[in-house]
């Protein structure tokens, strides 16, 4: 596992061990992982970026990895992708087995503990407990590693062009955990203290799905709070991309065509911000 350079484990290993710093990094769940193409961003901005998105992983869980990166990285732009499910409360870790190599890191462990203290405690204190979390998929990933993240710069494309989620959006209302929101604010303050420039992006969502969310105003209230804290927020729920069903493979995720267009749009939006940051 320590030798893996691919997938989520490879990204965690890179943060813990290689300590490579980039001009811009992108953080988030699958809506960052499959939406932001670093090579597209780099070609427009003339910089080096990396996508640290982790499938299915909310900010509360990966925040310890972000804080670990921020501790050693030089001043940079840190782009945090959020979506309508970012602040949904959780009681279980997503893929806790991916954190076997990271459980000794106090900052990472603290983030995991905030979601599932029982599993986190067992992972840290009980010898070989981690092995009970393994399944066939993880063994396959270890024995048959995919292409190194260094080649893709952390991006994972979804090449299917068919919309695969007919019917209503599965999230017709949003549940928001206030402690999760406050935790985000605390990390944003920490990033700024360490000389980084945090930016929030709201991932695109197919417009027909957005219309069905009953309490989107609760989510918009969080975006307003971020603005009051002088955090740049780019809300791509309002992007023209969101009206084109051909760019999505389900309500919340862009396909490769959509990802290219979104990455270009994002890069141009970041350009003035990145220029002022360097100055």
Protein backbone atom coordinates (compact mmCIF):
# COMPACT_ATOMS: atom_id res chain seq x y z
CA UNK A 1 0.00 0.00 0.00
CA UNK A 2 2.85 2.38 0.76
CA UNK A 3 4.17 1.92 -2.76
CA UNK A 4 0.88 2.76 -4.51
CA UNK A 5 0.94 5.88 -6.69
CA UNK A 6 -2.57 5.45 -8.10
CA UNK A 7 -6.11 6.00 -6.87
CA UNK A 8 -7.13 7.41 -3.51
CA UNK A 9 -4.40 5.55 -1.63
CA UNK A 10 -1.78 6.96 -4.00
CA UNK A 11 -2.98 10.49 -3.29
CA UNK A 12 -2.92 9.94 0.46
CA UNK A 13 0.58 8.47 0.19
CA UNK A 14 1.74 11.48 -1.84
CA UNK A 15 0.45 13.93 0.76
CA UNK A 16 2.06 12.04 3.63
CA UNK A 17 5.37 11.12 2.03
CA UNK A 18 6.41 13.04 -1.08
CA UNK A 19 5.53 16.54 0.14
CA UNK A 20 5.31 17.99 -3.39
CA UNK A 21 3.91 21.53 -3.53
CA UNK A 22 1.80 22.92 -6.41
CA UNK A 23 0.72 26.41 -7.44
CA UNK A 24 -2.94 25.36 -7.28
CA UNK A 25 -4.52 22.27 -5.75
CA UNK A 26 -8.10 21.11 -6.10
CA UNK A 27 -9.84 19.32 -3.22
CA UNK A 28 -13.22 17.68 -2.91
CA UNK A 29 -15.22 14.53 -3.49
CA UNK A 30 -16.08 12.87 -6.80
CA UNK A 31 -17.41 16.16 -8.17
CA UNK A 32 -13.84 17.47 -8.00
CA UNK A 33 -12.24 14.17 -9.01
CA UNK A 34 -14.12 13.86 -12.32
CA UNK A 35 -14.72 17.57 -13.04
CA UNK A 36 -11.34 19.32 -12.82
CA UNK A 37 -8.66 18.48 -15.38
CA UNK A 38 -5.35 19.96 -14.16
CA UNK A 39 -3.73 19.84 -17.59
CA UNK A 40 -6.51 22.06 -18.97
CA UNK A 41 -6.05 24.51 -16.10
CA UNK A 42 -2.26 24.48 -16.46
CA UNK A 43 -2.40 25.20 -20.18
CA UNK A 44 -4.47 28.34 -19.58
CA UNK A 45 -2.76 29.65 -16.44
CA UNK A 46 0.81 28.52 -17.14
CA UNK A 47 1.17 26.93 -13.70
CA UNK A 48 1.34 23.49 -12.08
CA UNK A 49 -1.81 22.15 -10.47
CA UNK A 50 -3.01 18.86 -9.01
CA UNK A 51 -6.42 17.30 -8.34
CA UNK A 52 -6.65 15.80 -4.84
CA UNK A 53 -10.32 14.88 -5.18
CA UNK A 54 -11.33 11.66 -3.38
CA UNK A 55 -14.40 9.75 -4.48
CA UNK A 56 -17.27 9.79 -1.98
CA UNK A 57 -15.24 11.68 0.63
CA UNK A 58 -16.65 14.80 2.22
CA UNK A 59 -14.64 17.76 3.50
CA UNK A 60 -14.96 16.65 7.12
CA UNK A 61 -13.11 13.40 6.33
CA UNK A 62 -10.35 14.63 4.01
CA UNK A 63 -9.71 17.92 5.85
CA UNK A 64 -6.86 16.35 7.82
CA UNK A 65 -5.10 15.55 4.56
CA UNK A 66 -5.60 19.13 3.35
CA UNK A 67 -4.25 20.53 6.61
CA UNK A 68 -1.24 18.20 6.39
CA UNK A 69 -0.53 19.43 2.85
CA UNK A 70 -0.95 23.08 3.88
CA UNK A 71 1.60 22.65 6.68
CA UNK A 72 4.49 21.95 4.29
CA UNK A 73 3.38 23.47 0.97
CA UNK A 74 4.53 26.90 -0.07
CA UNK A 75 1.97 29.70 -0.44
CA UNK A 76 -0.57 28.51 -2.99
CA UNK A 77 -4.15 28.73 -4.19
CA UNK A 78 -6.26 26.01 -2.55
CA UNK A 79 -9.52 25.36 -4.40
CA UNK A 80 -12.12 23.46 -2.38
CA UNK A 81 -14.98 21.99 -4.34
CA UNK A 82 -18.32 21.65 -2.58
CA UNK A 83 -21.70 20.36 -3.70
CA UNK A 84 -25.19 19.99 -2.28
CA UNK A 85 -24.19 16.94 -0.19
CA UNK A 86 -20.94 18.34 1.28
CA UNK A 87 -22.45 19.17 4.68
CA UNK A 88 -24.68 16.12 5.00
CA UNK A 89 -23.88 14.53 8.41
CA UNK A 90 -22.20 11.13 8.43
CA UNK A 91 -21.64 8.55 11.13
CA UNK A 92 -19.34 6.23 9.16
CA UNK A 93 -16.04 6.74 7.36
CA UNK A 94 -15.94 6.28 3.62
CA UNK A 95 -13.30 3.67 2.69
CA UNK A 96 -11.54 3.75 6.08
CA UNK A 97 -9.13 1.10 4.75
CA UNK A 98 -7.59 3.73 2.47
CA UNK A 99 -6.24 5.44 5.59
CA UNK A 100 -4.19 2.52 6.91
CA UNK A 101 -0.94 4.34 6.14
CA UNK A 102 -2.28 7.66 7.46
CA UNK A 103 -3.81 6.66 10.79
CA UNK A 104 -0.59 7.55 12.62
CA UNK A 105 -0.86 11.18 11.45
CA UNK A 106 -2.51 13.07 14.31
CA UNK A 107 -4.15 15.69 12.08
CA UNK A 108 -5.62 13.07 9.73
CA UNK A 109 -6.74 10.94 12.66
CA UNK A 110 -8.52 13.90 14.24
CA UNK A 111 -10.58 14.43 11.08
CA UNK A 112 -11.53 10.75 10.91
CA UNK A 113 -12.37 10.73 14.61
CA UNK A 114 -14.85 13.60 14.16
CA UNK A 115 -16.99 11.30 11.98
CA UNK A 116 -16.48 7.82 13.40
CA UNK A 117 -14.51 7.77 16.67
CA UNK A 118 -15.09 4.04 17.27
CA UNK A 119 -13.61 2.87 13.95
CA UNK A 120 -10.81 5.42 14.18
CA UNK A 121 -9.87 4.29 17.67
CA UNK A 122 -9.80 0.64 16.65
CA UNK A 123 -7.68 1.41 13.57
CA UNK A 124 -5.15 3.26 15.69
CA UNK A 125 -4.94 1.07 18.78
CA UNK A 126 -5.78 -2.51 17.80
CA UNK A 127 -2.93 -4.33 16.00
CA UNK A 128 -3.91 -5.65 12.55
CA UNK A 129 -7.47 -4.35 12.90
CA UNK A 130 -6.95 -2.57 9.57
CA UNK A 131 -6.82 -5.93 7.83
CA UNK A 132 -10.41 -6.65 8.81
CA UNK A 133 -11.49 -3.66 6.71
CA UNK A 134 -9.90 -4.98 3.51
CA UNK A 135 -12.03 -6.43 0.72
CA UNK A 136 -11.40 -7.95 -2.72
CA UNK A 137 -11.48 -4.54 -4.43
CA UNK A 138 -8.70 -3.21 -2.24
CA UNK A 139 -6.57 -6.33 -2.70
CA UNK A 140 -7.02 -5.99 -6.47
CA UNK A 141 -6.00 -2.33 -6.33
CA UNK A 142 -2.86 -3.21 -4.40
CA UNK A 143 -1.89 -6.13 -6.63
CA UNK A 144 -2.89 -4.48 -9.92
CA UNK A 145 -2.09 -0.77 -9.55
CA UNK A 146 -3.56 1.58 -12.12
CA UNK A 147 -1.79 4.40 -13.94
CA UNK A 148 0.17 6.68 -11.62
CA UNK A 149 -1.64 9.78 -10.41
CA UNK A 150 1.37 11.77 -11.57
CA UNK A 151 0.38 11.10 -15.18
CA UNK A 152 -3.26 12.15 -14.78
CA UNK A 153 -2.37 14.77 -12.12
CA UNK A 154 -5.10 13.24 -10.00
CA UNK A 155 -7.96 13.62 -12.49
CA UNK A 156 -10.25 10.68 -13.20
CA UNK A 157 -12.28 10.94 -16.41
CA UNK A 158 -15.75 9.53 -16.94
CA UNK A 159 -15.89 8.79 -20.66
CA UNK A 160 -19.51 7.61 -20.84
CA UNK A 161 -21.66 10.14 -22.68
CA UNK A 162 -25.06 8.67 -21.83
CA UNK A 163 -27.10 10.19 -19.00
CA UNK A 164 -27.33 7.26 -16.59
CA UNK A 165 -29.70 8.56 -13.91
CA UNK A 166 -33.27 8.84 -15.20
CA UNK A 167 -36.02 9.88 -12.84
CA UNK A 168 -35.84 12.48 -10.06
CA UNK A 169 -32.62 13.60 -8.41
CA UNK A 170 -31.97 11.44 -5.29
CA UNK A 171 -31.34 14.53 -3.14
CA UNK A 172 -34.60 16.49 -3.29
CA UNK A 173 -33.78 18.12 0.05
CA UNK A 174 -30.48 18.99 1.70
CA UNK A 175 -29.46 18.18 5.26
CA UNK A 176 -26.76 20.49 6.60
CA UNK A 177 -24.66 19.78 9.69
CA UNK A 178 -23.71 23.05 11.33
CA UNK A 179 -20.56 21.58 12.94
CA UNK A 180 -19.40 20.54 9.43
CA UNK A 181 -19.91 24.11 8.19
CA UNK A 182 -18.04 25.57 11.15
CA UNK A 183 -15.22 23.08 10.64
CA UNK A 184 -14.85 24.28 7.06
CA UNK A 185 -14.63 27.88 8.27
CA UNK A 186 -11.95 26.92 10.78
CA UNK A 187 -9.79 25.21 8.15
CA UNK A 188 -10.23 28.16 5.77
CA UNK A 189 -8.91 30.49 8.49
CA UNK A 190 -5.98 28.13 9.08
CA UNK A 191 -5.15 28.08 5.37
CA UNK A 192 -5.03 31.88 5.25
CA UNK A 193 -2.84 32.06 8.34
CA UNK A 194 -0.37 29.71 6.63
CA UNK A 195 -0.18 32.00 3.59
CA UNK A 196 -2.52 30.12 1.25
CA UNK A 197 -5.39 31.60 -0.73
CA UNK A 198 -8.52 29.44 -0.24
CA UNK A 199 -11.21 29.47 -2.90
CA UNK A 200 -14.59 27.73 -2.90
CA UNK A 201 -16.13 26.34 -6.08
CA UNK A 202 -19.66 24.95 -6.22
CA UNK A 203 -19.76 22.04 -8.64
CA UNK A 204 -22.12 22.13 -11.63
CA UNK A 205 -25.38 20.24 -11.31
CA UNK A 206 -27.81 19.46 -14.13
CA UNK A 207 -30.40 22.25 -13.96
CA UNK A 208 -33.46 19.98 -14.02
CA UNK A 209 -32.22 18.32 -10.84
CA UNK A 210 -31.54 21.65 -9.14
CA UNK A 211 -35.17 22.65 -9.67
CA UNK A 212 -36.31 19.71 -7.55
CA UNK A 213 -34.30 20.60 -4.42
CA UNK A 214 -36.81 21.93 -1.91
CA UNK A 215 -34.45 23.79 0.43
CA UNK A 216 -31.67 25.02 -1.84
CA UNK A 217 -31.97 28.32 0.06
CA UNK A 218 -30.28 26.64 3.06
CA UNK A 219 -27.29 25.82 0.88
CA UNK A 220 -27.25 29.32 -0.62
CA UNK A 221 -27.16 30.74 2.90
CA UNK A 222 -23.82 28.98 3.46
CA UNK A 223 -22.48 30.50 0.24
CA UNK A 224 -23.56 33.93 1.49
CA UNK A 225 -21.72 33.34 4.78
CA UNK A 226 -18.57 32.43 2.86
CA UNK A 227 -18.81 35.68 0.93
CA UNK A 228 -19.17 37.60 4.20
CA UNK A 229 -15.91 36.00 5.32
CA UNK A 230 -14.21 37.33 2.15
CA UNK A 231 -13.71 33.84 0.70
CA UNK A 232 -13.92 33.88 -3.12
CA UNK A 233 -16.83 31.68 -4.21
CA UNK A 234 -17.42 30.57 -7.79
CA UNK A 235 -20.91 29.12 -8.04
CA UNK A 236 -21.16 26.87 -11.08
CA UNK A 237 -24.74 25.96 -10.32
CA UNK A 238 -25.37 29.05 -12.44
CA UNK A 239 -23.08 27.98 -15.30
CA UNK A 240 -24.53 27.62 -18.79
CA UNK A 241 -23.08 24.09 -18.75
CA UNK A 242 -25.84 23.08 -16.33
CA UNK A 243 -28.58 23.33 -18.97
CA UNK A 244 -26.90 20.83 -21.32
CA UNK A 245 -27.80 17.25 -20.41
CA UNK A 246 -25.22 15.94 -22.92
CA UNK A 247 -22.42 17.14 -20.63
CA UNK A 248 -23.55 15.06 -17.62
CA UNK A 249 -23.63 11.33 -16.87
CA UNK A 250 -25.91 11.89 -13.88
CA UNK A 251 -27.40 14.88 -12.12
CA UNK A 252 -24.26 15.74 -10.14
CA UNK A 253 -21.41 14.56 -12.38
CA UNK A 254 -20.04 15.81 -15.68
CA UNK A 255 -18.76 13.45 -18.36
CA UNK A 256 -15.39 14.04 -20.04
CA UNK A 257 -16.85 16.60 -22.46
CA UNK A 258 -18.38 18.55 -19.62
CA UNK A 259 -15.22 18.28 -17.52
CA UNK A 260 -13.11 19.85 -20.28
CA UNK A 261 -15.47 22.80 -20.64
CA UNK A 262 -15.81 23.22 -16.88
CA UNK A 263 -12.03 23.11 -16.36
CA UNK A 264 -11.55 25.81 -18.99
CA UNK A 265 -14.29 27.97 -17.46
CA UNK A 266 -12.76 27.50 -14.00
CA UNK A 267 -9.25 28.36 -15.21
CA UNK A 268 -10.37 31.64 -16.75
CA UNK A 269 -12.30 32.53 -13.60
CA UNK A 270 -9.21 31.83 -11.48
CA UNK A 271 -6.86 33.81 -13.73
CA UNK A 272 -7.29 37.28 -12.16
CA UNK A 273 -7.32 35.82 -8.67
CA UNK A 274 -4.14 33.85 -9.29
CA UNK A 275 -2.42 36.92 -10.80
CA UNK A 276 -3.26 39.07 -7.77
CA UNK A 277 -2.13 36.30 -5.42
CA UNK A 278 1.30 36.14 -7.08
CA UNK A 279 1.66 39.91 -6.83
